[in-house]
């Protein structure tokens, strides 16, 4: 039987930086424009949907920060490889 290896890095930190940018755009659009339009029967969920536009920039910023971290990690690895070759 194959043994699964668990990486010490969480899965969301292994996604490419460009996917984080796309997630930032999608999350912003959904929270800003789509969520307030939902007609929910539960009053609590309805209030949460009305608060979603205020949370949209926060969610997008978190994804963009993750993209910057991933881009820096990728560029840093390539720079280290270049130094080792010389």
PDB file of N, CA and C in Angstrom:
ATOM      1  N   UNK A   1       0.818  -1.176   0.000  1.00  0.00           N
ATOM      2  CA  UNK A   1       0.000   0.000   0.000  1.00  0.00           C
ATOM      3  C   UNK A   1       0.870   1.250   0.000  1.00  0.00           C
ATOM      4  N   UNK A   2       0.434   2.246  -0.748  1.00  0.00           N
ATOM      5  CA  UNK A   2       1.175   3.490  -0.801  1.00  0.00           C
ATOM      6  C   UNK A   2       0.914   4.309   0.448  1.00  0.00           C
ATOM      7  N   UNK A   3       1.960   4.854   0.955  1.00  0.00           N
ATOM      8  CA  UNK A   3       1.841   5.695   2.139  1.00  0.00           C
ATOM      9  C   UNK A   3       1.759   7.159   1.692  1.00  0.00           C
ATOM     10  N   UNK A   4       0.759   7.850   2.179  1.00  0.00           N
ATOM     11  CA  UNK A   4       0.612   9.252   1.818  1.00  0.00           C
ATOM     12  C   UNK A   4       1.566  10.092   2.640  1.00  0.00           C
ATOM     13  N   UNK A   5       2.199  11.008   1.957  1.00  0.00           N
ATOM     14  CA  UNK A   5       3.088  11.928   2.648  1.00  0.00           C
ATOM     15  C   UNK A   5       2.322  13.213   2.914  1.00  0.00           C
ATOM     16  N   UNK A   6       2.391  13.655   4.124  1.00  0.00           N
ATOM     17  CA  UNK A   6       1.748  14.911   4.481  1.00  0.00           C
ATOM     18  C   UNK A   6       2.794  16.010   4.471  1.00  0.00           C
ATOM     19  N   UNK A   7       2.501  17.029   3.706  1.00  0.00           N
ATOM     20  CA  UNK A   7       3.414  18.154   3.618  1.00  0.00           C
ATOM     21  C   UNK A   7       3.208  19.074   4.819  1.00  0.00           C
ATOM     22  N   UNK A   8       4.278  19.650   5.328  1.00  0.00           N
ATOM     23  CA  UNK A   8       4.123  20.587   6.444  1.00  0.00           C
ATOM     24  C   UNK A   8       3.496  21.906   6.006  1.00  0.00           C
ATOM     25  N   UNK A   9       3.462  22.165   4.694  1.00  0.00           N
ATOM     26  CA  UNK A   9       2.869  23.392   4.169  1.00  0.00           C
ATOM     27  C   UNK A   9       1.392  23.141   3.901  1.00  0.00           C
ATOM     28  N   UNK A  10       0.512  23.993   4.439  1.00  0.00           N
ATOM     29  CA  UNK A  10      -0.919  23.810   4.171  1.00  0.00           C
ATOM     30  C   UNK A  10      -1.222  23.916   2.675  1.00  0.00           C
ATOM     31  N   UNK A  11      -2.312  23.287   2.265  1.00  0.00           N
ATOM     32  CA  UNK A  11      -2.649  23.226   0.848  1.00  0.00           C
ATOM     33  C   UNK A  11      -2.843  24.610   0.243  1.00  0.00           C
ATOM     34  N   UNK A  12      -3.484  25.524   0.994  1.00  0.00           N
ATOM     35  CA  UNK A  12      -3.761  26.839   0.416  1.00  0.00           C
ATOM     36  C   UNK A  12      -2.494  27.660   0.191  1.00  0.00           C
ATOM     37  N   UNK A  13      -1.387  27.271   0.789  1.00  0.00           N
ATOM     38  CA  UNK A  13      -0.129  27.961   0.533  1.00  0.00           C
ATOM     39  C   UNK A  13       0.627  27.361  -0.642  1.00  0.00           C
ATOM     40  N   UNK A  14       0.121  26.287  -1.199  1.00  0.00           N
ATOM     41  CA  UNK A  14       0.783  25.652  -2.338  1.00  0.00           C
ATOM     42  C   UNK A  14       0.145  26.023  -3.665  1.00  0.00           C
ATOM     43  N   UNK A  15      -0.948  26.805  -3.678  1.00  0.00           N
ATOM     44  CA  UNK A  15      -1.576  27.183  -4.934  1.00  0.00           C
ATOM     45  C   UNK A  15      -0.755  28.282  -5.602  1.00  0.00           C
ATOM     46  N   UNK A  16      -0.776  28.365  -6.915  1.00  0.00           N
ATOM     47  CA  UNK A  16       0.030  29.372  -7.617  1.00  0.00           C
ATOM     48  C   UNK A  16      -0.441  30.799  -7.303  1.00  0.00           C
ATOM     49  N   UNK A  17       0.450  31.753  -7.465  1.00  0.00           N
ATOM     50  CA  UNK A  17       0.132  33.139  -7.122  1.00  0.00           C
ATOM     51  C   UNK A  17      -0.970  33.690  -8.010  1.00  0.00           C
ATOM     52  N   UNK A  18      -0.985  33.301  -9.285  1.00  0.00           N
ATOM     53  CA  UNK A  18      -1.991  33.836 -10.197  1.00  0.00           C
ATOM     54  C   UNK A  18      -3.387  33.334  -9.847  1.00  0.00           C
ATOM     55  N   UNK A  19      -3.465  32.150  -9.250  1.00  0.00           N
ATOM     56  CA  UNK A  19      -4.767  31.645  -8.810  1.00  0.00           C
ATOM     57  C   UNK A  19      -5.268  32.446  -7.609  1.00  0.00           C
ATOM     58  N   UNK A  20      -4.360  32.883  -6.769  1.00  0.00           N
ATOM     59  CA  UNK A  20      -4.741  33.740  -5.634  1.00  0.00           C
ATOM     60  C   UNK A  20      -5.307  35.070  -6.127  1.00  0.00           C
ATOM     61  N   UNK A  21      -4.716  35.608  -7.198  1.00  0.00           N
ATOM     62  CA  UNK A  21      -5.222  36.866  -7.767  1.00  0.00           C
ATOM     63  C   UNK A  21      -6.630  36.651  -8.327  1.00  0.00           C
ATOM     64  N   UNK A  22      -6.839  35.540  -9.015  1.00  0.00           N
ATOM     65  CA  UNK A  22      -8.177  35.235  -9.537  1.00  0.00           C
ATOM     66  C   UNK A  22      -9.184  35.046  -8.403  1.00  0.00           C
ATOM     67  N   UNK A  23      -8.772  34.380  -7.338  1.00  0.00           N
ATOM     68  CA  UNK A  23      -9.660  34.207  -6.188  1.00  0.00           C
ATOM     69  C   UNK A  23      -9.999  35.544  -5.543  1.00  0.00           C
ATOM     70  N   UNK A  24      -9.059  36.464  -5.525  1.00  0.00           N
ATOM     71  CA  UNK A  24      -9.321  37.800  -4.984  1.00  0.00           C
ATOM     72  C   UNK A  24     -10.390  38.512  -5.809  1.00  0.00           C
ATOM     73  N   UNK A  25     -10.280  38.433  -7.116  1.00  0.00           N
ATOM     74  CA  UNK A  25     -11.250  39.082  -7.997  1.00  0.00           C
ATOM     75  C   UNK A  25     -12.629  38.447  -7.847  1.00  0.00           C
ATOM     76  N   UNK A  26     -12.677  37.124  -7.862  1.00  0.00           N
ATOM     77  CA  UNK A  26     -13.953  36.416  -7.759  1.00  0.00           C
ATOM     78  C   UNK A  26     -14.602  36.650  -6.402  1.00  0.00           C
ATOM     79  N   UNK A  27     -13.824  36.567  -5.335  1.00  0.00           N
ATOM     80  CA  UNK A  27     -14.402  36.762  -4.001  1.00  0.00           C
ATOM     81  C   UNK A  27     -14.920  38.181  -3.844  1.00  0.00           C
ATOM     82  N   UNK A  28     -14.201  39.163  -4.373  1.00  0.00           N
ATOM     83  CA  UNK A  28     -14.658  40.543  -4.281  1.00  0.00           C
ATOM     84  C   UNK A  28     -15.981  40.726  -5.020  1.00  0.00           C
ATOM     85  N   UNK A  29     -16.058  40.208  -6.234  1.00  0.00           N
ATOM     86  CA  UNK A  29     -17.284  40.369  -7.025  1.00  0.00           C
ATOM     87  C   UNK A  29     -18.468  39.658  -6.380  1.00  0.00           C
ATOM     88  N   UNK A  30     -18.247  38.459  -5.873  1.00  0.00           N
ATOM     89  CA  UNK A  30     -19.346  37.724  -5.245  1.00  0.00           C
ATOM     90  C   UNK A  30     -19.827  38.428  -3.990  1.00  0.00           C
ATOM     91  N   UNK A  31     -18.904  38.833  -3.131  1.00  0.00           N
ATOM     92  CA  UNK A  31     -19.306  39.474  -1.883  1.00  0.00           C
ATOM     93  C   UNK A  31     -19.881  40.870  -2.106  1.00  0.00           C
ATOM     94  N   UNK A  32     -19.369  41.585  -3.075  1.00  0.00           N
ATOM     95  CA  UNK A  32     -19.806  42.968  -3.297  1.00  0.00           C
ATOM     96  C   UNK A  32     -21.127  43.044  -4.056  1.00  0.00           C
ATOM     97  N   UNK A  33     -21.309  42.195  -5.079  1.00  0.00           N
ATOM     98  CA  UNK A  33     -22.453  42.353  -5.962  1.00  0.00           C
ATOM     99  C   UNK A  33     -23.475  41.226  -5.869  1.00  0.00           C
ATOM    100  N   UNK A  34     -23.033  40.007  -5.642  1.00  0.00           N
ATOM    101  CA  UNK A  34     -23.952  38.871  -5.677  1.00  0.00           C
ATOM    102  C   UNK A  34     -24.625  38.610  -4.330  1.00  0.00           C
ATOM    103  N   UNK A  35     -23.862  38.636  -3.255  1.00  0.00           N
ATOM    104  CA  UNK A  35     -24.394  38.288  -1.933  1.00  0.00           C
ATOM    105  C   UNK A  35     -25.542  39.193  -1.485  1.00  0.00           C
ATOM    106  N   UNK A  36     -25.477  40.512  -1.696  1.00  0.00           N
ATOM    107  CA  UNK A  36     -26.606  41.346  -1.256  1.00  0.00           C
ATOM    108  C   UNK A  36     -27.903  41.091  -2.033  1.00  0.00           C
ATOM    109  N   UNK A  37     -27.784  40.486  -3.207  1.00  0.00           N
ATOM    110  CA  UNK A  37     -28.967  40.224  -4.027  1.00  0.00           C
ATOM    111  C   UNK A  37     -29.705  38.948  -3.629  1.00  0.00           C
ATOM    112  N   UNK A  38     -29.106  38.149  -2.757  1.00  0.00           N
ATOM    113  CA  UNK A  38     -29.731  36.893  -2.346  1.00  0.00           C
ATOM    114  C   UNK A  38     -30.981  37.164  -1.511  1.00  0.00           C
ATOM    115  N   UNK A  39     -32.022  36.425  -1.779  1.00  0.00           N
ATOM    116  CA  UNK A  39     -33.258  36.513  -1.014  1.00  0.00           C
ATOM    117  C   UNK A  39     -33.291  35.328  -0.053  1.00  0.00           C
ATOM    118  N   UNK A  40     -32.901  35.558   1.170  1.00  0.00           N
ATOM    119  CA  UNK A  40     -32.808  34.492   2.156  1.00  0.00           C
ATOM    120  C   UNK A  40     -33.962  34.600   3.140  1.00  0.00           C
ATOM    121  N   UNK A  41     -34.470  33.444   3.560  1.00  0.00           N
ATOM    122  CA  UNK A  41     -35.589  33.439   4.497  1.00  0.00           C
ATOM    123  C   UNK A  41     -35.120  33.591   5.945  1.00  0.00           C
ATOM    124  N   UNK A  42     -33.897  33.179   6.225  1.00  0.00           N
ATOM    125  CA  UNK A  42     -33.346  33.292   7.566  1.00  0.00           C
ATOM    126  C   UNK A  42     -32.858  34.727   7.783  1.00  0.00           C
ATOM    127  N   UNK A  43     -33.320  35.351   8.848  1.00  0.00           N
ATOM    128  CA  UNK A  43     -32.986  36.746   9.118  1.00  0.00           C
ATOM    129  C   UNK A  43     -31.482  36.925   9.384  1.00  0.00           C
ATOM    130  N   UNK A  44     -30.870  35.975  10.081  1.00  0.00           N
ATOM    131  CA  UNK A  44     -29.447  36.063  10.378  1.00  0.00           C
ATOM    132  C   UNK A  44     -28.622  35.993   9.097  1.00  0.00           C
ATOM    133  N   UNK A  45     -28.951  35.058   8.211  1.00  0.00           N
ATOM    134  CA  UNK A  45     -28.229  34.941   6.942  1.00  0.00           C
ATOM    135  C   UNK A  45     -28.477  36.158   6.060  1.00  0.00           C
ATOM    136  N   UNK A  46     -29.670  36.708   6.139  1.00  0.00           N
ATOM    137  CA  UNK A  46     -29.991  37.907   5.364  1.00  0.00           C
ATOM    138  C   UNK A  46     -29.134  39.087   5.850  1.00  0.00           C
ATOM    139  N   UNK A  47     -28.980  39.220   7.164  1.00  0.00           N
ATOM    140  CA  UNK A  47     -28.130  40.283   7.702  1.00  0.00           C
ATOM    141  C   UNK A  47     -26.664  40.072   7.318  1.00  0.00           C
ATOM    142  N   UNK A  48     -26.234  38.825   7.307  1.00  0.00           N
ATOM    143  CA  UNK A  48     -24.869  38.510   6.894  1.00  0.00           C
ATOM    144  C   UNK A  48     -24.655  38.847   5.419  1.00  0.00           C
ATOM    145  N   UNK A  49     -25.646  38.554   4.595  1.00  0.00           N
ATOM    146  CA  UNK A  49     -25.550  38.874   3.169  1.00  0.00           C
ATOM    147  C   UNK A  49     -25.512  40.383   2.955  1.00  0.00           C
ATOM    148  N   UNK A  50     -26.210  41.131   3.786  1.00  0.00           N
ATOM    149  CA  UNK A  50     -26.186  42.587   3.666  1.00  0.00           C
ATOM    150  C   UNK A  50     -24.847  43.160   4.149  1.00  0.00           C
ATOM    151  N   UNK A  51     -24.157  42.464   5.010  1.00  0.00           N
ATOM    152  CA  UNK A  51     -22.856  42.918   5.494  1.00  0.00           C
ATOM    153  C   UNK A  51     -21.721  42.498   4.561  1.00  0.00           C
ATOM    154  N   UNK A  52     -21.985  41.620   3.624  1.00  0.00           N
ATOM    155  CA  UNK A  52     -20.955  41.081   2.737  1.00  0.00           C
ATOM    156  C   UNK A  52     -20.222  42.150   1.924  1.00  0.00           C
ATOM    157  N   UNK A  53     -20.883  43.191   1.412  1.00  0.00           N
ATOM    158  CA  UNK A  53     -20.118  44.198   0.652  1.00  0.00           C
ATOM    159  C   UNK A  53     -19.023  44.876   1.471  1.00  0.00           C
ATOM    160  N   UNK A  54     -19.224  45.010   2.759  1.00  0.00           N
ATOM    161  CA  UNK A  54     -18.182  45.580   3.602  1.00  0.00           C
ATOM    162  C   UNK A  54     -17.022  44.629   3.826  1.00  0.00           C
ATOM    163  N   UNK A  55     -17.281  43.343   3.710  1.00  0.00           N
ATOM    164  CA  UNK A  55     -16.233  42.335   3.888  1.00  0.00           C
ATOM    165  C   UNK A  55     -15.478  42.029   2.596  1.00  0.00           C
ATOM    166  N   UNK A  56     -16.011  42.489   1.470  1.00  0.00           N
ATOM    167  CA  UNK A  56     -15.395  42.188   0.172  1.00  0.00           C
ATOM    168  C   UNK A  56     -13.957  42.685   0.062  1.00  0.00           C
ATOM    169  N   UNK A  57     -13.656  43.924   0.434  1.00  0.00           N
ATOM    170  CA  UNK A  57     -12.256  44.361   0.322  1.00  0.00           C
ATOM    171  C   UNK A  57     -11.315  43.604   1.255  1.00  0.00           C
ATOM    172  N   UNK A  58     -11.810  43.187   2.397  1.00  0.00           N
ATOM    173  CA  UNK A  58     -10.979  42.442   3.339  1.00  0.00           C
ATOM    174  C   UNK A  58     -10.612  41.082   2.759  1.00  0.00           C
ATOM    175  N   UNK A  59     -11.601  40.388   2.206  1.00  0.00           N
ATOM    176  CA  UNK A  59     -11.344  39.073   1.614  1.00  0.00           C
ATOM    177  C   UNK A  59     -10.402  39.185   0.421  1.00  0.00           C
ATOM    178  N   UNK A  60     -10.626  40.183  -0.420  1.00  0.00           N
ATOM    179  CA  UNK A  60      -9.760  40.358  -1.589  1.00  0.00           C
ATOM    180  C   UNK A  60      -8.340  40.702  -1.167  1.00  0.00           C
ATOM    181  N   UNK A  61      -8.185  41.524  -0.135  1.00  0.00           N
ATOM    182  CA  UNK A  61      -6.858  41.881   0.346  1.00  0.00           C
ATOM    183  C   UNK A  61      -6.115  40.668   0.876  1.00  0.00           C
ATOM    184  N   UNK A  62      -6.818  39.794   1.593  1.00  0.00           N
ATOM    185  CA  UNK A  62      -6.174  38.586   2.109  1.00  0.00           C
ATOM    186  C   UNK A  62      -5.666  37.697   0.974  1.00  0.00           C
ATOM    187  N   UNK A  63      -6.475  37.545  -0.065  1.00  0.00           N
ATOM    188  CA  UNK A  63      -6.034  36.740  -1.210  1.00  0.00           C
ATOM    189  C   UNK A  63      -4.858  37.405  -1.936  1.00  0.00           C
ATOM    190  N   UNK A  64      -4.875  38.730  -2.039  1.00  0.00           N
ATOM    191  CA  UNK A  64      -3.772  39.420  -2.702  1.00  0.00           C
ATOM    192  C   UNK A  64      -2.488  39.340  -1.883  1.00  0.00           C
ATOM    193  N   UNK A  65      -2.600  39.375  -0.569  1.00  0.00           N
ATOM    194  CA  UNK A  65      -1.419  39.183   0.270  1.00  0.00           C
ATOM    195  C   UNK A  65      -0.861  37.775   0.120  1.00  0.00           C
ATOM    196  N   UNK A  66      -1.747  36.791   0.039  1.00  0.00           N
ATOM    197  CA  UNK A  66      -1.308  35.421  -0.190  1.00  0.00           C
ATOM    198  C   UNK A  66      -0.630  35.291  -1.552  1.00  0.00           C
ATOM    199  N   UNK A  67      -1.154  36.006  -2.564  1.00  0.00           N
ATOM    200  CA  UNK A  67      -0.532  35.987  -3.892  1.00  0.00           C
ATOM    201  C   UNK A  67       0.868  36.587  -3.837  1.00  0.00           C
ATOM    202  N   UNK A  68       1.019  37.666  -3.086  1.00  0.00           N
ATOM    203  CA  UNK A  68       2.342  38.289  -2.963  1.00  0.00           C
ATOM    204  C   UNK A  68       3.320  37.346  -2.267  1.00  0.00           C
ATOM    205  N   UNK A  69       2.853  36.657  -1.239  1.00  0.00           N
ATOM    206  CA  UNK A  69       3.711  35.692  -0.544  1.00  0.00           C
ATOM    207  C   UNK A  69       4.132  34.577  -1.488  1.00  0.00           C
ATOM    208  N   UNK A  70       3.180  34.053  -2.256  1.00  0.00           N
ATOM    209  CA  UNK A  70       3.487  32.969  -3.187  1.00  0.00           C
ATOM    210  C   UNK A  70       4.431  33.438  -4.283  1.00  0.00           C
ATOM    211  N   UNK A  71       4.226  34.654  -4.799  1.00  0.00           N
ATOM    212  CA  UNK A  71       5.102  35.177  -5.850  1.00  0.00           C
ATOM    213  C   UNK A  71       6.508  35.371  -5.312  1.00  0.00           C
ATOM    214  N   UNK A  72       6.632  35.872  -4.108  1.00  0.00           N
ATOM    215  CA  UNK A  72       7.947  36.063  -3.497  1.00  0.00           C
ATOM    216  C   UNK A  72       8.638  34.721  -3.276  1.00  0.00           C
ATOM    217  N   UNK A  73       7.880  33.723  -2.821  1.00  0.00           N
ATOM    218  CA  UNK A  73       8.454  32.401  -2.606  1.00  0.00           C
ATOM    219  C   UNK A  73       8.947  31.796  -3.911  1.00  0.00           C
ATOM    220  N   UNK A  74       8.174  31.941  -4.971  1.00  0.00           N
ATOM    221  CA  UNK A  74       8.562  31.376  -6.271  1.00  0.00           C
ATOM    222  C   UNK A  74       9.787  32.097  -6.796  1.00  0.00           C
ATOM    223  N   UNK A  75       9.816  33.418  -6.745  1.00  0.00           N
ATOM    224  CA  UNK A  75      10.968  34.171  -7.231  1.00  0.00           C
ATOM    225  C   UNK A  75      12.198  33.902  -6.371  1.00  0.00           C
ATOM    226  N   UNK A  76      12.014  33.759  -5.088  1.00  0.00           N
ATOM    227  CA  UNK A  76      13.137  33.483  -4.201  1.00  0.00           C
ATOM    228  C   UNK A  76      13.759  32.138  -4.490  1.00  0.00           C
ATOM    229  N   UNK A  77      12.939  31.137  -4.798  1.00  0.00           N
ATOM    230  CA  UNK A  77      13.462  29.804  -5.129  1.00  0.00           C
ATOM    231  C   UNK A  77      14.264  29.843  -6.425  1.00  0.00           C
ATOM    232  N   UNK A  78      13.779  30.584  -7.412  1.00  0.00           N
ATOM    233  CA  UNK A  78      14.503  30.666  -8.680  1.00  0.00           C
ATOM    234  C   UNK A  78      15.811  31.412  -8.496  1.00  0.00           C
ATOM    235  N   UNK A  79      15.832  32.452  -7.675  1.00  0.00           N
ATOM    236  CA  UNK A  79      17.063  33.207  -7.443  1.00  0.00           C
ATOM    237  C   UNK A  79      18.074  32.327  -6.724  1.00  0.00           C
ATOM    238  N   UNK A  80      17.632  31.499  -5.787  1.00  0.00           N
ATOM    239  CA  UNK A  80      18.530  30.589  -5.083  1.00  0.00           C
ATOM    240  C   UNK A  80      19.130  29.560  -6.052  1.00  0.00           C
ATOM    241  N   UNK A  81      18.334  29.082  -6.995  1.00  0.00           N
ATOM    242  CA  UNK A  81      18.826  28.122  -7.971  1.00  0.00           C
ATOM    243  C   UNK A  81      19.888  28.753  -8.856  1.00  0.00           C
ATOM    244  N   UNK A  82      19.704  30.027  -9.226  1.00  0.00           N
ATOM    245  CA  UNK A  82      20.685  30.709 -10.065  1.00  0.00           C
ATOM    246  C   UNK A  82      22.013  30.870  -9.337  1.00  0.00           C
ATOM    247  N   UNK A  83      21.957  31.165  -8.054  1.00  0.00           N
ATOM    248  CA  UNK A  83      23.191  31.335  -7.263  1.00  0.00           C
ATOM    249  C   UNK A  83      23.945  30.019  -7.132  1.00  0.00           C
ATOM    250  N   UNK A  84      23.221  28.930  -7.010  1.00  0.00           N
ATOM    251  CA  UNK A  84      23.859  27.624  -6.839  1.00  0.00           C
ATOM    252  C   UNK A  84      24.556  27.163  -8.116  1.00  0.00           C
ATOM    253  N   UNK A  85      24.022  27.551  -9.279  1.00  0.00           N
ATOM    254  CA  UNK A  85      24.600  27.127 -10.541  1.00  0.00           C
ATOM    255  C   UNK A  85      25.940  27.792 -10.814  1.00  0.00           C
ATOM    256  N   UNK A  86      26.148  28.996 -10.317  1.00  0.00           N
ATOM    257  CA  UNK A  86      27.359  29.761 -10.618  1.00  0.00           C
ATOM    258  C   UNK A  86      28.519  29.326  -9.818  1.00  0.00           C
TER     259      UNK A  86
END
